[in-house]
Amino acid sequence: MNEPHAASADSVTARDESAPHTPPATAPQAHVRLSRRLTVVSLLALIGLGLAWELWLAPIGRGTLALKVLPLCLPLAGLLKNRMYTYRWLSLLVWLYILEGLVRATSGEPARVVALAVAEIALGLILFTGCVLHIRLRLRDARSTRAQETVTTPS
């Protein structure tokens, strides 16, 4: 079990946790950068939609529901630092916002609220897709890099 390629299957996460400021060994592939941009842009759009919805477009009460976007602000730092763990838990968190959109879209509210809810659902699904895509692509790239290192390193 002391083989160099027998490291944990999740060495990307281990590297992120043990040295959060260590740059990756190789530059990220174009598809990984694209999935990261998709995730960050959709998260910012979801935050913007939530704030605009509850403060200006269709506020309920005194706008205190705008606080619902605070949990979405937490992963911003982790996404910008490219931490794999953040992508993983954000892919779970976003389902709360998708569910809120589903509830508000089907609860018989005015057409404006239904349109905002559909936008929230769409942005949430885009965010989830971006997270999952980024995780899969990074793990695949890490596996292929590890396989190349094992092939090029004589035993």
N, C-alpha and C. Protein backbone atom coordinates (compact mmCIF):
# COMPACT_ATOMS: atom_id res chain seq x y z
N MET A 1 0.80 -1.21 0.00
CA MET A 1 0.00 0.00 0.00
C MET A 1 0.84 1.26 0.00
N ASN A 2 2.16 1.14 -0.02
CA ASN A 2 3.02 2.32 -0.03
C ASN A 2 3.37 2.76 -1.44
N GLU A 3 2.56 2.39 -2.41
CA GLU A 3 2.82 2.79 -3.78
C GLU A 3 2.47 4.26 -3.94
N PRO A 4 3.20 5.00 -4.77
CA PRO A 4 2.93 6.43 -4.93
C PRO A 4 1.58 6.70 -5.55
N HIS A 5 1.07 5.82 -6.42
CA HIS A 5 -0.21 6.06 -7.05
C HIS A 5 -1.38 5.55 -6.21
N ALA A 6 -1.12 5.00 -5.04
CA ALA A 6 -2.18 4.49 -4.18
C ALA A 6 -2.65 5.55 -3.20
N ALA A 7 -2.36 6.82 -3.51
CA ALA A 7 -2.85 7.90 -2.65
C ALA A 7 -4.37 7.93 -2.71
N SER A 8 -4.95 8.68 -1.82
CA SER A 8 -6.41 8.73 -1.79
C SER A 8 -6.93 9.20 -3.13
N ALA A 9 -8.11 8.72 -3.48
CA ALA A 9 -8.72 9.08 -4.76
C ALA A 9 -9.11 10.54 -4.80
N ASP A 10 -9.02 11.17 -3.67
CA ASP A 10 -9.47 12.56 -3.57
C ASP A 10 -8.32 13.48 -3.19
N SER A 11 -7.18 13.29 -3.82
CA SER A 11 -6.00 14.06 -3.43
C SER A 11 -6.14 15.54 -3.73
N VAL A 12 -7.04 15.90 -4.65
CA VAL A 12 -7.25 17.32 -4.94
C VAL A 12 -7.81 18.02 -3.71
N THR A 13 -8.76 17.37 -3.03
CA THR A 13 -9.33 17.96 -1.83
C THR A 13 -8.29 18.01 -0.71
N ALA A 14 -7.50 16.95 -0.58
CA ALA A 14 -6.50 16.93 0.49
C ALA A 14 -5.50 18.07 0.29
N ARG A 15 -5.10 18.32 -0.95
CA ARG A 15 -4.17 19.40 -1.21
C ARG A 15 -4.82 20.74 -0.87
N ASP A 16 -6.10 20.92 -1.22
CA ASP A 16 -6.78 22.17 -0.94
C ASP A 16 -6.88 22.44 0.55
N GLU A 17 -7.12 21.40 1.34
CA GLU A 17 -7.28 21.60 2.78
C GLU A 17 -5.93 21.80 3.48
N SER A 18 -4.91 21.07 3.06
CA SER A 18 -3.63 21.15 3.76
C SER A 18 -2.85 22.41 3.39
N ALA A 19 -2.99 22.89 2.18
CA ALA A 19 -2.27 24.09 1.74
C ALA A 19 -3.19 24.92 0.85
N PRO A 20 -4.09 25.70 1.46
CA PRO A 20 -5.09 26.39 0.65
C PRO A 20 -4.52 27.40 -0.32
N HIS A 21 -3.30 27.89 -0.12
CA HIS A 21 -2.76 28.91 -0.99
C HIS A 21 -1.73 28.35 -1.97
N THR A 22 -1.58 27.02 -2.00
CA THR A 22 -0.65 26.39 -2.92
C THR A 22 -1.30 26.32 -4.29
N PRO A 23 -0.66 26.87 -5.32
CA PRO A 23 -1.25 26.79 -6.66
C PRO A 23 -1.20 25.36 -7.17
N PRO A 24 -2.10 24.99 -8.08
CA PRO A 24 -2.07 23.63 -8.61
C PRO A 24 -0.77 23.37 -9.35
N ALA A 25 -0.42 22.09 -9.48
CA ALA A 25 0.85 21.71 -10.10
C ALA A 25 0.89 22.13 -11.56
N THR A 26 -0.24 22.06 -12.23
CA THR A 26 -0.32 22.49 -13.62
C THR A 26 -1.43 23.51 -13.75
N ALA A 27 -1.36 24.30 -14.80
CA ALA A 27 -2.41 25.30 -15.03
C ALA A 27 -3.71 24.57 -15.37
N PRO A 28 -4.84 25.09 -14.89
CA PRO A 28 -6.10 24.41 -15.16
C PRO A 28 -6.43 24.43 -16.66
N GLN A 29 -7.06 23.38 -17.09
CA GLN A 29 -7.49 23.27 -18.48
C GLN A 29 -8.57 24.31 -18.77
N ALA A 30 -8.79 24.59 -20.04
CA ALA A 30 -9.77 25.60 -20.44
C ALA A 30 -11.17 25.21 -19.98
N HIS A 31 -11.52 23.93 -20.06
CA HIS A 31 -12.86 23.52 -19.65
C HIS A 31 -13.06 23.65 -18.14
N VAL A 32 -12.01 23.50 -17.37
CA VAL A 32 -12.10 23.68 -15.92
C VAL A 32 -12.30 25.17 -15.60
N ARG A 33 -11.57 26.03 -16.30
CA ARG A 33 -11.74 27.47 -16.10
C ARG A 33 -13.15 27.91 -16.49
N LEU A 34 -13.68 27.34 -17.57
CA LEU A 34 -15.03 27.69 -18.02
C LEU A 34 -16.08 27.26 -16.99
N SER A 35 -15.93 26.07 -16.43
CA SER A 35 -16.89 25.61 -15.43
C SER A 35 -16.79 26.47 -14.16
N ARG A 36 -15.60 26.91 -13.83
CA ARG A 36 -15.43 27.80 -12.67
C ARG A 36 -16.13 29.13 -12.91
N ARG A 37 -15.94 29.70 -14.11
CA ARG A 37 -16.61 30.97 -14.44
C ARG A 37 -18.12 30.81 -14.41
N LEU A 38 -18.62 29.71 -14.96
CA LEU A 38 -20.06 29.46 -14.96
C LEU A 38 -20.59 29.43 -13.53
N THR A 39 -19.88 28.78 -12.65
CA THR A 39 -20.30 28.68 -11.25
C THR A 39 -20.29 30.04 -10.57
N VAL A 40 -19.22 30.79 -10.72
CA VAL A 40 -19.10 32.08 -10.04
C VAL A 40 -20.14 33.07 -10.58
N VAL A 41 -20.31 33.12 -11.90
CA VAL A 41 -21.27 34.05 -12.49
C VAL A 41 -22.70 33.69 -12.08
N SER A 42 -23.04 32.42 -12.09
CA SER A 42 -24.40 32.04 -11.70
C SER A 42 -24.64 32.29 -10.21
N LEU A 43 -23.62 32.12 -9.37
CA LEU A 43 -23.77 32.43 -7.95
C LEU A 43 -24.00 33.92 -7.75
N LEU A 44 -23.21 34.76 -8.42
CA LEU A 44 -23.39 36.21 -8.31
C LEU A 44 -24.77 36.63 -8.84
N ALA A 45 -25.21 36.01 -9.93
CA ALA A 45 -26.53 36.32 -10.48
C ALA A 45 -27.64 35.91 -9.51
N LEU A 46 -27.48 34.77 -8.85
CA LEU A 46 -28.48 34.33 -7.88
C LEU A 46 -28.52 35.26 -6.67
N ILE A 47 -27.37 35.74 -6.22
CA ILE A 47 -27.32 36.71 -5.12
C ILE A 47 -28.00 38.00 -5.56
N GLY A 48 -27.68 38.48 -6.75
CA GLY A 48 -28.29 39.70 -7.26
C GLY A 48 -29.79 39.57 -7.42
N LEU A 49 -30.25 38.43 -7.93
CA LEU A 49 -31.69 38.21 -8.08
C LEU A 49 -32.38 38.21 -6.73
N GLY A 50 -31.80 37.51 -5.77
CA GLY A 50 -32.41 37.45 -4.43
C GLY A 50 -32.53 38.82 -3.79
N LEU A 51 -31.48 39.62 -3.91
CA LEU A 51 -31.53 40.98 -3.34
C LEU A 51 -32.54 41.85 -4.07
N ALA A 52 -32.50 41.84 -5.40
CA ALA A 52 -33.44 42.67 -6.17
C ALA A 52 -34.88 42.23 -5.93
N TRP A 53 -35.12 40.94 -5.84
CA TRP A 53 -36.45 40.42 -5.63
C TRP A 53 -37.01 40.92 -4.31
N GLU A 54 -36.27 40.74 -3.25
CA GLU A 54 -36.81 41.04 -1.92
C GLU A 54 -36.71 42.52 -1.54
N LEU A 55 -35.89 43.30 -2.22
CA LEU A 55 -35.77 44.71 -1.87
C LEU A 55 -36.55 45.64 -2.80
N TRP A 56 -36.61 45.30 -4.12
CA TRP A 56 -37.22 46.24 -5.06
C TRP A 56 -38.32 45.64 -5.92
N LEU A 57 -38.12 44.47 -6.49
CA LEU A 57 -39.03 43.96 -7.50
C LEU A 57 -40.36 43.46 -6.94
N ALA A 58 -40.33 42.69 -5.89
CA ALA A 58 -41.56 42.16 -5.29
C ALA A 58 -41.34 41.93 -3.80
N PRO A 59 -41.08 43.01 -3.04
CA PRO A 59 -40.76 42.82 -1.62
C PRO A 59 -41.96 42.35 -0.81
N ILE A 60 -41.66 41.56 0.19
CA ILE A 60 -42.67 41.13 1.15
C ILE A 60 -42.27 41.74 2.49
N GLY A 61 -43.15 42.50 3.10
CA GLY A 61 -42.83 43.12 4.38
C GLY A 61 -41.82 44.24 4.21
N ARG A 62 -40.86 44.30 5.12
CA ARG A 62 -39.86 45.37 5.11
C ARG A 62 -38.56 44.95 4.44
N GLY A 63 -38.57 43.92 3.66
CA GLY A 63 -37.37 43.49 2.95
C GLY A 63 -36.44 42.62 3.76
N THR A 64 -36.93 42.12 4.88
CA THR A 64 -36.06 41.28 5.71
C THR A 64 -35.76 39.93 5.07
N LEU A 65 -36.58 39.53 4.09
CA LEU A 65 -36.29 38.27 3.40
C LEU A 65 -35.04 38.37 2.53
N ALA A 66 -34.53 39.57 2.35
CA ALA A 66 -33.28 39.74 1.60
C ALA A 66 -32.13 39.06 2.33
N LEU A 67 -32.30 38.80 3.60
CA LEU A 67 -31.26 38.10 4.36
C LEU A 67 -31.06 36.67 3.88
N LYS A 68 -32.01 36.17 3.09
CA LYS A 68 -31.89 34.79 2.60
C LYS A 68 -30.68 34.61 1.70
N VAL A 69 -30.13 35.70 1.15
CA VAL A 69 -28.96 35.56 0.27
C VAL A 69 -27.65 35.51 1.04
N LEU A 70 -27.67 35.77 2.33
CA LEU A 70 -26.42 35.73 3.11
C LEU A 70 -25.70 34.38 3.02
N PRO A 71 -26.40 33.25 3.12
CA PRO A 71 -25.68 31.98 2.97
C PRO A 71 -25.00 31.83 1.61
N LEU A 72 -25.53 32.50 0.59
CA LEU A 72 -24.91 32.43 -0.74
C LEU A 72 -23.62 33.24 -0.82
N CYS A 73 -23.46 34.18 0.09
CA CYS A 73 -22.24 35.00 0.09
C CYS A 73 -21.06 34.25 0.70
N LEU A 74 -21.34 33.27 1.54
CA LEU A 74 -20.27 32.52 2.21
C LEU A 74 -19.34 31.78 1.24
N PRO A 75 -19.86 31.13 0.20
CA PRO A 75 -18.95 30.37 -0.66
C PRO A 75 -18.14 31.21 -1.64
N LEU A 76 -18.40 32.49 -1.73
CA LEU A 76 -17.68 33.32 -2.70
C LEU A 76 -16.16 33.25 -2.52
N ALA A 77 -15.70 33.37 -1.30
CA ALA A 77 -14.25 33.33 -1.05
C ALA A 77 -13.66 31.98 -1.46
N GLY A 78 -14.35 30.91 -1.12
CA GLY A 78 -13.85 29.57 -1.48
C GLY A 78 -13.85 29.33 -2.98
N LEU A 79 -14.86 29.86 -3.68
CA LEU A 79 -14.88 29.71 -5.13
C LEU A 79 -13.75 30.50 -5.78
N LEU A 80 -13.52 31.70 -5.28
CA LEU A 80 -12.47 32.52 -5.85
C LEU A 80 -11.08 31.96 -5.56
N LYS A 81 -10.95 31.22 -4.45
CA LYS A 81 -9.68 30.55 -4.13
C LYS A 81 -9.61 29.16 -4.74
N ASN A 82 -10.67 28.78 -5.45
CA ASN A 82 -10.72 27.51 -6.17
C ASN A 82 -10.64 26.30 -5.25
N ARG A 83 -11.33 26.33 -4.14
CA ARG A 83 -11.33 25.21 -3.19
C ARG A 83 -12.41 24.20 -3.56
N MET A 84 -11.98 22.99 -3.74
CA MET A 84 -12.89 21.92 -4.16
C MET A 84 -14.01 21.70 -3.16
N TYR A 85 -13.69 21.76 -1.88
CA TYR A 85 -14.70 21.52 -0.85
C TYR A 85 -15.86 22.51 -0.97
N THR A 86 -15.57 23.76 -1.31
CA THR A 86 -16.61 24.77 -1.46
C THR A 86 -17.56 24.39 -2.58
N TYR A 87 -17.04 23.92 -3.69
CA TYR A 87 -17.91 23.50 -4.80
C TYR A 87 -18.82 22.36 -4.35
N ARG A 88 -18.30 21.49 -3.54
CA ARG A 88 -19.10 20.34 -3.10
C ARG A 88 -20.26 20.76 -2.20
N TRP A 89 -19.99 21.58 -1.19
CA TRP A 89 -21.10 21.92 -0.30
C TRP A 89 -22.03 22.95 -0.93
N LEU A 90 -21.54 23.76 -1.85
CA LEU A 90 -22.43 24.69 -2.55
C LEU A 90 -23.40 23.94 -3.44
N SER A 91 -22.98 22.82 -4.01
CA SER A 91 -23.89 22.03 -4.84
C SER A 91 -25.04 21.45 -4.01
N LEU A 92 -24.85 21.34 -2.71
CA LEU A 92 -25.95 20.90 -1.83
C LEU A 92 -26.78 22.09 -1.35
N LEU A 93 -26.13 23.19 -1.03
CA LEU A 93 -26.83 24.38 -0.54
C LEU A 93 -27.79 24.95 -1.57
N VAL A 94 -27.42 24.91 -2.83
CA VAL A 94 -28.22 25.55 -3.86
C VAL A 94 -29.61 24.93 -3.98
N TRP A 95 -29.77 23.69 -3.55
CA TRP A 95 -31.09 23.05 -3.63
C TRP A 95 -32.12 23.75 -2.75
N LEU A 96 -31.70 24.39 -1.68
CA LEU A 96 -32.65 25.16 -0.87
C LEU A 96 -33.26 26.30 -1.67
N TYR A 97 -32.47 26.94 -2.49
CA TYR A 97 -32.94 28.06 -3.31
C TYR A 97 -33.79 27.56 -4.48
N ILE A 98 -33.44 26.41 -5.02
CA ILE A 98 -34.26 25.82 -6.07
C ILE A 98 -35.63 25.45 -5.50
N LEU A 99 -35.65 24.88 -4.31
CA LEU A 99 -36.92 24.52 -3.67
C LEU A 99 -37.75 25.76 -3.35
N GLU A 100 -37.11 26.83 -2.88
CA GLU A 100 -37.84 28.06 -2.61
C GLU A 100 -38.48 28.58 -3.90
N GLY A 101 -37.73 28.53 -4.99
CA GLY A 101 -38.28 28.95 -6.28
C GLY A 101 -39.45 28.10 -6.70
N LEU A 102 -39.35 26.79 -6.50
CA LEU A 102 -40.46 25.90 -6.85
C LEU A 102 -41.70 26.20 -6.02
N VAL A 103 -41.52 26.43 -4.72
CA VAL A 103 -42.66 26.73 -3.85
C VAL A 103 -43.32 28.04 -4.26
N ARG A 104 -42.51 29.06 -4.49
CA ARG A 104 -43.07 30.36 -4.82
C ARG A 104 -43.65 30.39 -6.23
N ALA A 105 -43.15 29.58 -7.13
CA ALA A 105 -43.69 29.53 -8.49
C ALA A 105 -45.04 28.83 -8.54
N THR A 106 -45.27 27.92 -7.61
CA THR A 106 -46.51 27.14 -7.64
C THR A 106 -47.50 27.53 -6.55
N SER A 107 -47.26 28.62 -5.84
CA SER A 107 -48.14 28.97 -4.73
C SER A 107 -49.22 29.97 -5.10
N GLY A 108 -49.44 30.21 -6.38
CA GLY A 108 -50.52 31.09 -6.81
C GLY A 108 -50.25 32.57 -6.58
N GLU A 109 -49.00 32.97 -6.64
CA GLU A 109 -48.65 34.37 -6.45
C GLU A 109 -48.79 35.10 -7.79
N PRO A 110 -48.67 36.44 -7.78
CA PRO A 110 -48.79 37.20 -9.03
C PRO A 110 -47.74 36.78 -10.07
N ALA A 111 -48.01 37.14 -11.33
CA ALA A 111 -47.15 36.72 -12.44
C ALA A 111 -45.71 37.20 -12.28
N ARG A 112 -45.51 38.38 -11.71
CA ARG A 112 -44.15 38.90 -11.51
C ARG A 112 -43.36 38.00 -10.57
N VAL A 113 -44.00 37.56 -9.51
CA VAL A 113 -43.33 36.69 -8.54
C VAL A 113 -43.05 35.33 -9.17
N VAL A 114 -43.98 34.83 -9.97
CA VAL A 114 -43.77 33.55 -10.64
C VAL A 114 -42.58 33.65 -11.60
N ALA A 115 -42.47 34.76 -12.32
CA ALA A 115 -41.34 34.94 -13.25
C ALA A 115 -40.01 35.00 -12.47
N LEU A 116 -40.01 35.69 -11.34
CA LEU A 116 -38.80 35.74 -10.52
C LEU A 116 -38.45 34.36 -9.97
N ALA A 117 -39.49 33.61 -9.58
CA ALA A 117 -39.25 32.26 -9.05
C ALA A 117 -38.68 31.35 -10.13
N VAL A 118 -39.19 31.46 -11.34
CA VAL A 118 -38.66 30.64 -12.44
C VAL A 118 -37.21 31.03 -12.72
N ALA A 119 -36.89 32.32 -12.65
CA ALA A 119 -35.51 32.76 -12.83
C ALA A 119 -34.62 32.19 -11.72
N GLU A 120 -35.14 32.16 -10.49
CA GLU A 120 -34.37 31.59 -9.38
C GLU A 120 -34.12 30.10 -9.59
N ILE A 121 -35.12 29.40 -10.07
CA ILE A 121 -34.96 27.97 -10.35
C ILE A 121 -33.90 27.76 -11.44
N ALA A 122 -33.99 28.54 -12.50
CA ALA A 122 -33.04 28.40 -13.61
C ALA A 122 -31.61 28.71 -13.15
N LEU A 123 -31.43 29.80 -12.42
CA LEU A 123 -30.10 30.13 -11.93
C LEU A 123 -29.57 29.08 -10.96
N GLY A 124 -30.44 28.55 -10.12
CA GLY A 124 -30.04 27.50 -9.19
C GLY A 124 -29.59 26.25 -9.92
N LEU A 125 -30.32 25.87 -10.97
CA LEU A 125 -29.93 24.69 -11.73
C LEU A 125 -28.63 24.92 -12.50
N ILE A 126 -28.44 26.13 -13.01
CA ILE A 126 -27.18 26.46 -13.67
C ILE A 126 -26.02 26.39 -12.68
N LEU A 127 -26.25 26.93 -11.48
CA LEU A 127 -25.22 26.90 -10.44
C LEU A 127 -24.88 25.46 -10.06
N PHE A 128 -25.89 24.64 -9.87
CA PHE A 128 -25.66 23.24 -9.53
C PHE A 128 -24.87 22.54 -10.64
N THR A 129 -25.28 22.77 -11.88
CA THR A 129 -24.60 22.15 -13.02
C THR A 129 -23.14 22.61 -13.09
N GLY A 130 -22.90 23.89 -12.85
CA GLY A 130 -21.53 24.41 -12.86
C GLY A 130 -20.68 23.77 -11.78
N CYS A 131 -21.25 23.63 -10.58
CA CYS A 131 -20.51 23.00 -9.48
C CYS A 131 -20.15 21.56 -9.79
N VAL A 132 -21.14 20.79 -10.22
CA VAL A 132 -20.91 19.38 -10.49
C VAL A 132 -19.94 19.20 -11.64
N LEU A 133 -20.09 20.01 -12.67
CA LEU A 133 -19.19 19.94 -13.81
C LEU A 133 -17.76 20.26 -13.39
N HIS A 134 -17.60 21.29 -12.58
CA HIS A 134 -16.27 21.68 -12.13
C HIS A 134 -15.62 20.57 -11.29
N ILE A 135 -16.39 20.00 -10.39
CA ILE A 135 -15.86 18.91 -9.55
C ILE A 135 -15.42 17.74 -10.41
N ARG A 136 -16.28 17.31 -11.33
CA ARG A 136 -15.95 16.16 -12.17
C ARG A 136 -14.72 16.43 -13.05
N LEU A 137 -14.67 17.63 -13.64
CA LEU A 137 -13.55 17.94 -14.53
C LEU A 137 -12.23 18.02 -13.77
N ARG A 138 -12.27 18.63 -12.58
CA ARG A 138 -11.03 18.72 -11.81
C ARG A 138 -10.55 17.35 -11.33
N LEU A 139 -11.47 16.51 -10.90
CA LEU A 139 -11.07 15.18 -10.46
C LEU A 139 -10.55 14.35 -11.63
N ARG A 140 -11.20 14.49 -12.79
CA ARG A 140 -10.73 13.76 -13.97
C ARG A 140 -9.33 14.22 -14.36
N ASP A 141 -9.11 15.54 -14.35
CA ASP A 141 -7.78 16.06 -14.68
C ASP A 141 -6.73 15.61 -13.66
N ALA A 142 -7.11 15.58 -12.39
CA ALA A 142 -6.16 15.13 -11.37
C ALA A 142 -5.81 13.66 -11.57
N ARG A 143 -6.82 12.85 -11.91
CA ARG A 143 -6.56 11.43 -12.16
C ARG A 143 -5.66 11.24 -13.37
N SER A 144 -5.91 11.98 -14.44
CA SER A 144 -5.08 11.82 -15.64
C SER A 144 -3.66 12.32 -15.39
N THR A 145 -3.51 13.40 -14.62
CA THR A 145 -2.18 13.90 -14.28
C THR A 145 -1.42 12.87 -13.45
N ARG A 146 -2.11 12.27 -12.49
CA ARG A 146 -1.50 11.25 -11.66
C ARG A 146 -1.11 10.04 -12.48
N ALA A 147 -1.96 9.67 -13.43
CA ALA A 147 -1.65 8.51 -14.29
C ALA A 147 -0.45 8.81 -15.16
N GLN A 148 -0.36 10.03 -15.68
CA GLN A 148 0.80 10.40 -16.50
C GLN A 148 2.09 10.38 -15.67
N GLU A 149 2.00 10.86 -14.44
CA GLU A 149 3.17 10.86 -13.57
C GLU A 149 3.61 9.43 -13.27
N THR A 150 2.66 8.53 -13.11
CA THR A 150 3.01 7.13 -12.81
C THR A 150 3.64 6.48 -14.02
N VAL A 151 3.16 6.82 -15.21
CA VAL A 151 3.72 6.23 -16.43
C VAL A 151 5.12 6.76 -16.69
N THR A 152 5.34 8.05 -16.46
CA THR A 152 6.64 8.65 -16.76
C THR A 152 7.68 8.36 -15.68
N THR A 153 7.27 8.03 -14.46
CA THR A 153 8.19 7.75 -13.38
C THR A 153 8.55 6.27 -13.41
N PRO A 154 9.84 5.94 -13.57
CA PRO A 154 10.22 4.51 -13.57
C PRO A 154 10.07 3.92 -12.16
N SER A 155 9.63 2.68 -12.12
CA SER A 155 9.40 2.02 -10.82
C SER A 155 10.62 1.31 -10.34
